N, C-alpha and C. Protein backbone atom coordinates (compact mmCIF):
# COMPACT_ATOMS: atom_id res chain seq x y z
N MET A 1 31.21 -4.17 0.03
CA MET A 1 30.55 -4.25 -1.26
C MET A 1 29.08 -3.87 -1.14
N LYS A 2 28.40 -4.39 -0.07
CA LYS A 2 26.98 -4.07 0.10
C LYS A 2 26.78 -2.59 0.35
N ARG A 3 27.70 -1.98 1.12
CA ARG A 3 27.57 -0.55 1.38
C ARG A 3 27.73 0.26 0.11
N LEU A 4 28.70 -0.11 -0.72
CA LEU A 4 28.91 0.59 -1.99
C LEU A 4 27.67 0.45 -2.87
N LEU A 5 27.11 -0.76 -2.95
CA LEU A 5 25.90 -0.97 -3.73
C LEU A 5 24.74 -0.14 -3.18
N ALA A 6 24.61 -0.09 -1.85
CA ALA A 6 23.55 0.70 -1.22
C ALA A 6 23.70 2.18 -1.56
N VAL A 7 24.93 2.71 -1.51
CA VAL A 7 25.16 4.12 -1.82
C VAL A 7 24.81 4.40 -3.28
N VAL A 8 25.20 3.50 -4.19
CA VAL A 8 24.90 3.68 -5.62
C VAL A 8 23.39 3.69 -5.84
N VAL A 9 22.66 2.75 -5.20
CA VAL A 9 21.20 2.69 -5.36
C VAL A 9 20.56 3.97 -4.82
N VAL A 10 21.01 4.46 -3.66
CA VAL A 10 20.46 5.70 -3.09
C VAL A 10 20.71 6.87 -4.03
N MET A 11 21.91 7.00 -4.55
CA MET A 11 22.22 8.11 -5.45
C MET A 11 21.39 8.05 -6.74
N LEU A 12 21.25 6.85 -7.31
CA LEU A 12 20.42 6.71 -8.51
C LEU A 12 18.96 7.03 -8.22
N THR A 13 18.48 6.59 -7.05
CA THR A 13 17.09 6.88 -6.66
C THR A 13 16.87 8.37 -6.50
N ILE A 14 17.78 9.05 -5.81
CA ILE A 14 17.65 10.50 -5.60
C ILE A 14 17.67 11.22 -6.94
N THR A 15 18.58 10.84 -7.83
CA THR A 15 18.67 11.47 -9.15
C THR A 15 17.39 11.24 -9.95
N ALA A 16 16.91 10.00 -9.95
CA ALA A 16 15.70 9.69 -10.72
C ALA A 16 14.48 10.38 -10.16
N VAL A 17 14.34 10.37 -8.83
CA VAL A 17 13.16 10.99 -8.21
C VAL A 17 13.16 12.49 -8.41
N SER A 18 14.33 13.12 -8.35
CA SER A 18 14.38 14.57 -8.50
C SER A 18 14.00 15.01 -9.92
N SER A 19 14.19 14.13 -10.91
CA SER A 19 13.84 14.50 -12.29
C SER A 19 12.51 13.92 -12.74
N ALA A 20 11.82 13.22 -11.86
CA ALA A 20 10.57 12.55 -12.24
C ALA A 20 9.36 13.43 -11.98
N GLN A 21 8.26 13.05 -12.61
CA GLN A 21 6.98 13.69 -12.39
C GLN A 21 6.14 12.70 -11.58
N LEU A 22 6.33 12.70 -10.28
CA LEU A 22 5.63 11.73 -9.43
C LEU A 22 4.26 12.26 -9.04
N ALA A 23 3.34 11.33 -8.87
CA ALA A 23 1.99 11.66 -8.42
C ALA A 23 1.46 10.47 -7.62
N PHE A 24 0.74 10.76 -6.58
CA PHE A 24 0.18 9.71 -5.73
C PHE A 24 -0.93 9.02 -6.50
N ARG A 25 -0.69 7.75 -6.91
CA ARG A 25 -1.65 7.05 -7.76
C ARG A 25 -2.44 5.96 -7.06
N GLY A 26 -1.93 5.45 -5.94
CA GLY A 26 -2.66 4.38 -5.28
C GLY A 26 -2.09 4.04 -3.92
N ILE A 27 -2.90 3.36 -3.14
CA ILE A 27 -2.50 2.93 -1.80
C ILE A 27 -3.07 1.54 -1.56
N GLY A 28 -2.40 0.75 -0.75
CA GLY A 28 -2.90 -0.60 -0.52
C GLY A 28 -2.26 -1.29 0.66
N GLY A 29 -2.67 -2.53 0.84
CA GLY A 29 -2.15 -3.34 1.92
C GLY A 29 -1.89 -4.75 1.44
N ALA A 30 -1.15 -5.50 2.25
CA ALA A 30 -0.80 -6.86 1.86
C ALA A 30 -0.62 -7.74 3.09
N ILE A 31 -0.79 -9.03 2.90
CA ILE A 31 -0.45 -10.02 3.90
C ILE A 31 0.45 -11.04 3.22
N GLY A 32 1.22 -11.76 4.02
CA GLY A 32 2.11 -12.71 3.39
C GLY A 32 2.79 -13.63 4.37
N PHE A 33 3.85 -14.22 3.89
CA PHE A 33 4.63 -15.22 4.61
C PHE A 33 6.09 -14.82 4.55
N ALA A 34 6.79 -14.88 5.67
CA ALA A 34 8.21 -14.55 5.72
C ALA A 34 9.00 -15.72 6.26
N SER A 35 10.09 -16.05 5.60
CA SER A 35 11.02 -17.07 6.06
C SER A 35 12.33 -16.36 6.38
N VAL A 36 12.77 -16.46 7.63
CA VAL A 36 13.89 -15.67 8.12
C VAL A 36 15.05 -16.58 8.51
N SER A 37 16.26 -16.16 8.17
CA SER A 37 17.45 -16.86 8.67
C SER A 37 18.43 -15.82 9.20
N TRP A 38 19.06 -16.12 10.31
CA TRP A 38 20.03 -15.20 10.89
C TRP A 38 21.13 -15.98 11.58
N THR A 39 22.25 -15.28 11.77
CA THR A 39 23.40 -15.87 12.41
C THR A 39 23.72 -15.08 13.66
N GLY A 40 23.91 -15.79 14.76
CA GLY A 40 24.30 -15.16 16.02
C GLY A 40 25.49 -15.90 16.59
N GLY A 41 26.65 -15.27 16.59
CA GLY A 41 27.85 -15.95 17.07
C GLY A 41 28.23 -17.08 16.14
N THR A 42 28.25 -18.30 16.66
CA THR A 42 28.63 -19.45 15.85
C THR A 42 27.43 -20.27 15.40
N THR A 43 26.22 -19.84 15.79
CA THR A 43 25.02 -20.61 15.43
C THR A 43 24.18 -19.85 14.43
N SER A 44 23.43 -20.59 13.65
CA SER A 44 22.48 -19.97 12.74
C SER A 44 21.10 -20.56 13.01
N GLN A 45 20.09 -19.74 12.82
CA GLN A 45 18.71 -20.13 13.08
C GLN A 45 17.86 -19.75 11.88
N SER A 46 16.73 -20.40 11.75
CA SER A 46 15.75 -20.01 10.74
C SER A 46 14.36 -20.30 11.28
N THR A 47 13.41 -19.49 10.86
CA THR A 47 12.03 -19.64 11.27
C THR A 47 11.15 -18.94 10.24
N SER A 48 9.86 -19.12 10.34
CA SER A 48 8.95 -18.49 9.39
C SER A 48 7.66 -18.07 10.08
N GLY A 49 6.95 -17.14 9.48
CA GLY A 49 5.71 -16.65 10.05
C GLY A 49 4.99 -15.70 9.10
N PHE A 50 3.97 -15.02 9.62
CA PHE A 50 3.13 -14.17 8.80
C PHE A 50 3.61 -12.72 8.81
N LEU A 51 3.19 -11.99 7.77
CA LEU A 51 3.62 -10.63 7.54
C LEU A 51 2.42 -9.77 7.17
N ILE A 52 2.45 -8.50 7.57
CA ILE A 52 1.46 -7.53 7.13
C ILE A 52 2.22 -6.32 6.58
N GLY A 53 1.59 -5.60 5.67
CA GLY A 53 2.26 -4.44 5.10
C GLY A 53 1.30 -3.48 4.45
N ALA A 54 1.83 -2.32 4.11
CA ALA A 54 1.09 -1.28 3.39
C ALA A 54 2.02 -0.71 2.34
N HIS A 55 1.47 -0.27 1.22
CA HIS A 55 2.28 0.27 0.14
C HIS A 55 1.59 1.44 -0.54
N ALA A 56 2.37 2.18 -1.33
CA ALA A 56 1.83 3.30 -2.10
C ALA A 56 2.42 3.25 -3.51
N ASP A 57 1.58 3.54 -4.48
CA ASP A 57 2.02 3.69 -5.86
C ASP A 57 2.21 5.19 -6.07
N MET A 58 3.47 5.61 -6.21
CA MET A 58 3.77 7.04 -6.31
C MET A 58 3.99 7.51 -7.75
N GLY A 59 3.65 6.66 -8.71
CA GLY A 59 3.77 7.06 -10.11
C GLY A 59 5.11 6.72 -10.71
N GLU A 60 5.28 7.10 -11.96
CA GLU A 60 6.47 6.74 -12.71
C GLU A 60 7.63 7.68 -12.45
N ILE A 61 8.80 7.07 -12.22
CA ILE A 61 10.04 7.83 -12.15
C ILE A 61 10.44 8.20 -13.57
N THR A 62 10.34 7.23 -14.44
CA THR A 62 10.55 7.39 -15.87
C THR A 62 9.71 6.32 -16.55
N LYS A 63 9.71 6.25 -17.85
CA LYS A 63 8.84 5.31 -18.55
C LYS A 63 9.03 3.88 -18.04
N ASP A 64 7.93 3.26 -17.62
CA ASP A 64 7.86 1.88 -17.15
C ASP A 64 8.54 1.61 -15.80
N ILE A 65 9.08 2.62 -15.14
CA ILE A 65 9.68 2.43 -13.81
C ILE A 65 8.85 3.22 -12.79
N VAL A 66 8.27 2.47 -11.83
CA VAL A 66 7.34 3.05 -10.86
C VAL A 66 8.00 3.12 -9.50
N PHE A 67 7.81 4.25 -8.82
CA PHE A 67 8.28 4.44 -7.44
C PHE A 67 7.22 3.84 -6.53
N PHE A 68 7.61 2.83 -5.71
CA PHE A 68 6.64 2.02 -4.95
C PHE A 68 7.15 1.77 -3.52
N PRO A 69 7.07 2.78 -2.64
CA PRO A 69 7.52 2.57 -1.26
C PRO A 69 6.53 1.71 -0.48
N ASP A 70 7.02 1.05 0.56
CA ASP A 70 6.14 0.26 1.42
C ASP A 70 6.71 0.14 2.83
N ILE A 71 5.85 -0.27 3.75
CA ILE A 71 6.27 -0.63 5.10
C ILE A 71 5.73 -2.03 5.35
N GLN A 72 6.45 -2.79 6.16
CA GLN A 72 5.97 -4.13 6.49
C GLN A 72 6.50 -4.56 7.85
N TYR A 73 5.75 -5.47 8.45
CA TYR A 73 6.12 -5.99 9.76
C TYR A 73 5.86 -7.49 9.77
N PHE A 74 6.82 -8.24 10.29
CA PHE A 74 6.57 -9.64 10.54
C PHE A 74 7.16 -10.04 11.88
N SER A 75 6.55 -11.04 12.47
CA SER A 75 7.01 -11.59 13.73
C SER A 75 6.88 -13.10 13.64
N THR A 76 7.94 -13.81 13.98
CA THR A 76 7.95 -15.26 13.90
C THR A 76 8.52 -15.83 15.19
N SER A 77 8.22 -17.08 15.46
CA SER A 77 8.80 -17.73 16.64
C SER A 77 9.09 -19.19 16.32
N LYS A 78 10.01 -19.75 17.08
CA LYS A 78 10.44 -21.12 16.86
C LYS A 78 10.73 -21.75 18.22
N SER A 79 10.19 -22.94 18.43
CA SER A 79 10.49 -23.68 19.65
C SER A 79 11.81 -24.41 19.49
N VAL A 80 12.66 -24.27 20.49
CA VAL A 80 13.92 -24.99 20.52
C VAL A 80 13.98 -25.74 21.85
N THR A 81 14.94 -26.62 22.00
CA THR A 81 15.06 -27.40 23.23
C THR A 81 15.14 -26.47 24.43
N GLY A 82 14.14 -26.56 25.30
CA GLY A 82 14.13 -25.77 26.53
C GLY A 82 13.60 -24.36 26.40
N GLY A 83 13.15 -23.94 25.21
CA GLY A 83 12.67 -22.57 25.11
C GLY A 83 12.13 -22.19 23.76
N THR A 84 12.13 -20.88 23.52
CA THR A 84 11.57 -20.30 22.31
C THR A 84 12.48 -19.18 21.80
N ILE A 85 12.58 -19.07 20.49
CA ILE A 85 13.27 -17.94 19.86
C ILE A 85 12.24 -17.19 19.03
N LYS A 86 12.16 -15.86 19.24
CA LYS A 86 11.26 -15.02 18.47
C LYS A 86 12.09 -14.01 17.68
N ALA A 87 11.66 -13.73 16.46
CA ALA A 87 12.33 -12.74 15.63
C ALA A 87 11.27 -11.85 14.98
N SER A 88 11.56 -10.55 14.89
CA SER A 88 10.63 -9.64 14.23
C SER A 88 11.41 -8.58 13.45
N ASP A 89 10.73 -7.99 12.49
CA ASP A 89 11.33 -6.95 11.66
C ASP A 89 10.26 -5.95 11.28
N PHE A 90 10.55 -4.67 11.50
CA PHE A 90 9.72 -3.58 10.98
C PHE A 90 10.58 -2.88 9.94
N ALA A 91 10.11 -2.84 8.70
CA ALA A 91 10.92 -2.30 7.61
C ALA A 91 10.20 -1.17 6.89
N ILE A 92 10.96 -0.14 6.58
CA ILE A 92 10.49 0.96 5.72
C ILE A 92 11.31 0.85 4.44
N ASN A 93 10.63 0.61 3.32
CA ASN A 93 11.29 0.29 2.06
C ASN A 93 11.03 1.34 0.99
N VAL A 94 12.05 1.59 0.19
CA VAL A 94 11.95 2.45 -0.99
C VAL A 94 12.32 1.58 -2.18
N ASN A 95 11.33 1.25 -3.01
CA ASN A 95 11.54 0.32 -4.12
C ASN A 95 11.13 0.96 -5.44
N ALA A 96 11.71 0.44 -6.51
CA ALA A 96 11.31 0.82 -7.86
C ALA A 96 10.93 -0.46 -8.60
N HIS A 97 9.80 -0.41 -9.30
CA HIS A 97 9.32 -1.54 -10.11
C HIS A 97 9.51 -1.20 -11.58
N TYR A 98 10.09 -2.14 -12.32
CA TYR A 98 10.16 -2.00 -13.77
C TYR A 98 9.05 -2.86 -14.36
N ASN A 99 8.06 -2.20 -14.95
CA ASN A 99 6.92 -2.91 -15.54
C ASN A 99 7.31 -3.49 -16.89
N ILE A 100 7.11 -4.80 -17.03
CA ILE A 100 7.44 -5.50 -18.26
C ILE A 100 6.22 -5.42 -19.20
N ALA A 101 6.42 -4.85 -20.38
CA ALA A 101 5.33 -4.71 -21.34
C ALA A 101 4.86 -6.09 -21.79
N MET A 102 3.54 -6.32 -21.63
CA MET A 102 2.99 -7.63 -21.96
C MET A 102 1.50 -7.47 -22.21
N GLU A 103 0.98 -8.19 -23.19
CA GLU A 103 -0.44 -8.17 -23.49
C GLU A 103 -1.20 -8.98 -22.45
N GLY A 104 -2.45 -8.63 -22.21
CA GLY A 104 -3.28 -9.40 -21.30
C GLY A 104 -3.51 -8.71 -19.97
N MET A 105 -4.17 -9.42 -19.08
CA MET A 105 -4.57 -8.88 -17.78
C MET A 105 -3.42 -8.87 -16.77
N LEU A 106 -2.48 -9.80 -16.91
CA LEU A 106 -1.35 -9.88 -15.98
C LEU A 106 -0.25 -8.93 -16.41
N LYS A 107 0.23 -8.12 -15.48
CA LYS A 107 1.30 -7.16 -15.75
C LYS A 107 2.47 -7.46 -14.82
N PRO A 108 3.47 -8.23 -15.29
CA PRO A 108 4.61 -8.57 -14.44
C PRO A 108 5.58 -7.40 -14.27
N TYR A 109 6.38 -7.47 -13.20
CA TYR A 109 7.42 -6.47 -12.96
C TYR A 109 8.59 -7.12 -12.23
N VAL A 110 9.72 -6.49 -12.30
CA VAL A 110 10.89 -6.82 -11.49
C VAL A 110 11.30 -5.52 -10.80
N GLY A 111 12.02 -5.64 -9.71
CA GLY A 111 12.38 -4.42 -9.01
C GLY A 111 13.49 -4.61 -8.01
N ALA A 112 13.88 -3.48 -7.44
CA ALA A 112 14.92 -3.46 -6.42
C ALA A 112 14.71 -2.23 -5.56
N GLY A 113 15.34 -2.24 -4.41
CA GLY A 113 15.24 -1.08 -3.54
C GLY A 113 16.05 -1.27 -2.28
N LEU A 114 15.87 -0.30 -1.39
CA LEU A 114 16.54 -0.31 -0.09
C LEU A 114 15.50 -0.27 1.01
N GLY A 115 15.84 -0.87 2.13
CA GLY A 115 14.94 -0.84 3.27
C GLY A 115 15.68 -0.61 4.56
N TYR A 116 15.06 0.17 5.43
CA TYR A 116 15.57 0.33 6.80
C TYR A 116 14.87 -0.72 7.64
N ASN A 117 15.63 -1.67 8.17
CA ASN A 117 15.08 -2.79 8.93
C ASN A 117 15.39 -2.61 10.41
N SER A 118 14.35 -2.60 11.23
CA SER A 118 14.49 -2.57 12.68
C SER A 118 14.23 -3.99 13.17
N LEU A 119 15.28 -4.66 13.59
CA LEU A 119 15.23 -6.09 13.89
C LEU A 119 15.24 -6.33 15.40
N SER A 120 14.57 -7.40 15.80
CA SER A 120 14.55 -7.78 17.22
C SER A 120 14.51 -9.29 17.33
N THR A 121 15.32 -9.84 18.22
CA THR A 121 15.26 -11.27 18.53
C THR A 121 15.19 -11.44 20.04
N THR A 122 14.40 -12.40 20.46
CA THR A 122 14.25 -12.70 21.89
C THR A 122 14.37 -14.21 22.08
N ALA A 123 15.22 -14.61 23.00
CA ALA A 123 15.36 -16.02 23.35
C ALA A 123 14.86 -16.21 24.78
N THR A 124 13.99 -17.20 24.97
CA THR A 124 13.44 -17.50 26.29
C THR A 124 13.68 -18.98 26.58
N ALA A 125 14.16 -19.27 27.80
CA ALA A 125 14.40 -20.66 28.21
C ALA A 125 13.92 -20.86 29.64
N THR A 126 13.41 -22.04 29.91
CA THR A 126 12.93 -22.37 31.25
C THR A 126 13.66 -23.61 31.76
N THR A 127 14.22 -23.48 32.96
CA THR A 127 14.82 -24.65 33.60
C THR A 127 13.75 -25.31 34.46
N PRO A 128 13.66 -26.61 34.47
CA PRO A 128 12.61 -27.28 35.24
C PRO A 128 12.87 -27.20 36.75
N ALA A 129 11.80 -27.34 37.49
CA ALA A 129 11.93 -27.40 38.96
C ALA A 129 12.59 -28.73 39.34
N TYR A 130 13.32 -28.72 40.43
CA TYR A 130 13.91 -29.97 40.91
C TYR A 130 14.00 -29.95 42.44
N SER A 131 14.11 -31.13 42.99
CA SER A 131 14.17 -31.28 44.44
C SER A 131 15.48 -31.95 44.83
N THR A 132 16.09 -31.44 45.90
CA THR A 132 17.34 -32.04 46.40
C THR A 132 17.06 -33.02 47.54
N GLY A 133 15.84 -33.15 47.95
CA GLY A 133 15.48 -33.98 49.10
C GLY A 133 15.23 -33.12 50.33
N PHE A 134 15.99 -32.03 50.48
CA PHE A 134 15.80 -31.12 51.61
C PHE A 134 14.97 -29.90 51.23
N PHE A 135 15.10 -29.48 49.98
CA PHE A 135 14.33 -28.33 49.51
C PHE A 135 14.05 -28.48 48.02
N THR A 136 13.09 -27.67 47.51
CA THR A 136 12.71 -27.71 46.09
C THR A 136 13.09 -26.39 45.44
N VAL A 137 13.74 -26.48 44.30
CA VAL A 137 14.09 -25.30 43.52
C VAL A 137 13.02 -25.14 42.45
N PRO A 138 12.33 -23.99 42.46
CA PRO A 138 11.26 -23.81 41.46
C PRO A 138 11.82 -23.63 40.05
N ALA A 139 10.97 -23.81 39.07
CA ALA A 139 11.34 -23.58 37.67
C ALA A 139 11.73 -22.12 37.50
N GLN A 140 12.72 -21.89 36.67
CA GLN A 140 13.21 -20.54 36.39
C GLN A 140 13.11 -20.26 34.90
N THR A 141 12.66 -19.06 34.56
CA THR A 141 12.59 -18.65 33.16
C THR A 141 13.58 -17.52 32.93
N TYR A 142 14.38 -17.66 31.88
CA TYR A 142 15.39 -16.67 31.52
C TYR A 142 15.06 -16.14 30.13
N SER A 143 15.35 -14.86 29.93
CA SER A 143 15.05 -14.24 28.64
C SER A 143 16.15 -13.26 28.28
N ALA A 144 16.49 -13.22 27.00
CA ALA A 144 17.48 -12.26 26.49
C ALA A 144 16.95 -11.69 25.18
N THR A 145 17.08 -10.37 25.04
CA THR A 145 16.59 -9.69 23.85
C THR A 145 17.72 -8.90 23.21
N ALA A 146 17.78 -8.94 21.89
CA ALA A 146 18.75 -8.14 21.14
C ALA A 146 18.00 -7.39 20.05
N THR A 147 18.35 -6.13 19.86
CA THR A 147 17.75 -5.32 18.80
C THR A 147 18.87 -4.73 17.96
N ASP A 148 18.56 -4.48 16.71
CA ASP A 148 19.54 -3.93 15.79
C ASP A 148 18.78 -3.29 14.64
N SER A 149 19.44 -2.42 13.94
CA SER A 149 18.85 -1.86 12.72
C SER A 149 19.92 -1.88 11.64
N ARG A 150 19.48 -2.09 10.42
CA ARG A 150 20.41 -2.11 9.31
C ARG A 150 19.68 -1.84 8.01
N ILE A 151 20.46 -1.47 7.01
CA ILE A 151 19.93 -1.25 5.67
C ILE A 151 19.93 -2.59 4.93
N GLY A 152 18.81 -2.91 4.32
CA GLY A 152 18.70 -4.13 3.55
C GLY A 152 18.53 -3.81 2.07
N ILE A 153 18.97 -4.71 1.24
CA ILE A 153 18.79 -4.58 -0.21
C ILE A 153 17.64 -5.50 -0.61
N ASN A 154 16.62 -4.93 -1.24
CA ASN A 154 15.43 -5.67 -1.65
C ASN A 154 15.56 -6.07 -3.13
N LEU A 155 15.38 -7.35 -3.39
CA LEU A 155 15.33 -7.87 -4.75
C LEU A 155 13.94 -8.48 -4.92
N LEU A 156 13.17 -8.03 -5.89
CA LEU A 156 11.78 -8.45 -5.97
C LEU A 156 11.31 -8.65 -7.40
N ALA A 157 10.25 -9.39 -7.50
CA ALA A 157 9.54 -9.60 -8.76
C ALA A 157 8.08 -9.75 -8.39
N GLY A 158 7.20 -9.55 -9.33
CA GLY A 158 5.79 -9.69 -9.00
C GLY A 158 4.91 -9.55 -10.21
N VAL A 159 3.62 -9.56 -9.93
CA VAL A 159 2.65 -9.42 -11.00
C VAL A 159 1.46 -8.63 -10.48
N ASN A 160 0.93 -7.75 -11.31
CA ASN A 160 -0.29 -6.99 -11.03
C ASN A 160 -1.41 -7.57 -11.89
N TYR A 161 -2.58 -7.71 -11.29
CA TYR A 161 -3.75 -8.18 -12.02
C TYR A 161 -4.89 -7.20 -11.73
N LYS A 162 -5.31 -6.48 -12.75
CA LYS A 162 -6.34 -5.45 -12.58
C LYS A 162 -7.70 -6.11 -12.42
N LEU A 163 -8.30 -5.97 -11.22
CA LEU A 163 -9.61 -6.54 -10.95
C LEU A 163 -10.72 -5.69 -11.54
N ASN A 164 -10.56 -4.36 -11.44
CA ASN A 164 -11.49 -3.40 -12.04
C ASN A 164 -10.76 -2.06 -12.14
N ASP A 165 -11.49 -0.99 -12.43
CA ASP A 165 -10.84 0.31 -12.61
C ASP A 165 -10.20 0.83 -11.33
N MET A 166 -10.65 0.37 -10.16
CA MET A 166 -10.15 0.89 -8.90
C MET A 166 -9.22 -0.06 -8.15
N LEU A 167 -9.35 -1.37 -8.37
CA LEU A 167 -8.61 -2.34 -7.57
C LEU A 167 -7.67 -3.20 -8.42
N THR A 168 -6.45 -3.37 -7.92
CA THR A 168 -5.46 -4.22 -8.58
C THR A 168 -4.91 -5.20 -7.56
N LEU A 169 -4.91 -6.47 -7.92
CA LEU A 169 -4.31 -7.52 -7.09
C LEU A 169 -2.80 -7.53 -7.36
N VAL A 170 -2.01 -7.59 -6.28
CA VAL A 170 -0.55 -7.61 -6.38
C VAL A 170 -0.04 -8.86 -5.69
N VAL A 171 0.80 -9.64 -6.38
CA VAL A 171 1.46 -10.80 -5.78
C VAL A 171 2.96 -10.62 -5.99
N GLU A 172 3.73 -10.74 -4.88
CA GLU A 172 5.15 -10.43 -4.97
C GLU A 172 6.02 -11.31 -4.08
N PRO A 173 6.98 -12.03 -4.65
CA PRO A 173 8.05 -12.63 -3.86
C PRO A 173 9.20 -11.62 -3.75
N ARG A 174 9.88 -11.63 -2.60
CA ARG A 174 10.97 -10.67 -2.36
C ARG A 174 12.05 -11.33 -1.53
N TYR A 175 13.30 -11.05 -1.86
CA TYR A 175 14.42 -11.50 -1.04
C TYR A 175 15.12 -10.27 -0.49
N VAL A 176 15.34 -10.25 0.82
CA VAL A 176 15.97 -9.12 1.48
C VAL A 176 17.33 -9.54 2.01
N LEU A 177 18.37 -8.85 1.56
CA LEU A 177 19.73 -9.07 2.04
C LEU A 177 20.00 -8.02 3.11
N ALA A 178 20.04 -8.45 4.36
CA ALA A 178 20.27 -7.53 5.48
C ALA A 178 21.38 -8.07 6.37
N SER A 179 22.55 -8.22 5.80
CA SER A 179 23.72 -8.74 6.51
C SER A 179 23.45 -10.15 7.01
N ASP A 180 23.44 -10.36 8.33
CA ASP A 180 23.24 -11.71 8.85
C ASP A 180 21.79 -11.98 9.25
N PHE A 181 20.83 -11.22 8.70
CA PHE A 181 19.41 -11.38 8.99
C PHE A 181 18.64 -11.31 7.67
N ASN A 182 18.88 -12.28 6.79
CA ASN A 182 18.26 -12.30 5.47
C ASN A 182 16.88 -12.95 5.55
N HIS A 183 15.98 -12.52 4.69
CA HIS A 183 14.67 -13.14 4.68
C HIS A 183 14.04 -13.15 3.28
N PHE A 184 13.20 -14.17 3.10
CA PHE A 184 12.46 -14.36 1.86
C PHE A 184 10.98 -14.15 2.19
N ILE A 185 10.32 -13.36 1.37
CA ILE A 185 8.93 -12.97 1.61
C ILE A 185 8.10 -13.29 0.37
N VAL A 186 6.91 -13.79 0.59
CA VAL A 186 5.90 -13.90 -0.47
C VAL A 186 4.66 -13.22 0.07
N LYS A 187 4.14 -12.23 -0.66
CA LYS A 187 2.96 -11.51 -0.17
C LYS A 187 1.97 -11.24 -1.28
N ALA A 188 0.73 -11.05 -0.88
CA ALA A 188 -0.34 -10.71 -1.81
C ALA A 188 -1.14 -9.57 -1.22
N GLY A 189 -1.57 -8.66 -2.06
CA GLY A 189 -2.31 -7.52 -1.57
C GLY A 189 -3.16 -6.89 -2.63
N ILE A 190 -3.77 -5.78 -2.25
CA ILE A 190 -4.66 -5.02 -3.13
C ILE A 190 -4.18 -3.57 -3.15
N THR A 191 -4.15 -2.99 -4.34
CA THR A 191 -3.87 -1.55 -4.49
C THR A 191 -5.16 -0.87 -4.92
N TYR A 192 -5.53 0.17 -4.19
CA TYR A 192 -6.71 0.98 -4.51
C TYR A 192 -6.26 2.21 -5.26
N ALA A 193 -6.76 2.42 -6.47
CA ALA A 193 -6.35 3.54 -7.31
C ALA A 193 -6.97 4.84 -6.79
N MET A 194 -6.14 5.85 -6.64
CA MET A 194 -6.61 7.18 -6.23
C MET A 194 -6.89 8.00 -7.49
N LYS A 195 -8.10 8.48 -7.63
CA LYS A 195 -8.47 9.24 -8.83
C LYS A 195 -8.37 10.71 -8.57
């Protein structure tokens, strides 16, 4: 089902972009918070940490729908009994924002898109040193790393607040469905208008 939805979104995006009058309108960056949950075998884990990202405003695909690609990276870690689990994601996203017409300084939007997620998890554990009476066994550290990549479906909403003619504040919560590595993101950033 997710693959079919991904194919439909890609086809609609290609069709819309090919008929749109796109123009590079702005560039910006963001920082935020990511809460990650994943399943490995029979266990599930969750952790949270900070995120950085960059985005571009590529103009309207059609009236009130803006093409808004971005990249983002987050890395989180969690202490578990005897060790640490680290998780990271580098994502390249293609999103569309539907701007909701509203009076005032706040301009809300909802959106969706696809992202290529390059995922990595590392588990590290240390066994303590011990003595048998005749000899001492030193502490040992073990580490295992797994990497994977997958297409994620981005579901997002947000608000733009125009600070002045050149700068716009952007606040956005986002949920990413990436099979067994789903994450919730809240980020804030600035878009600089290109004249």
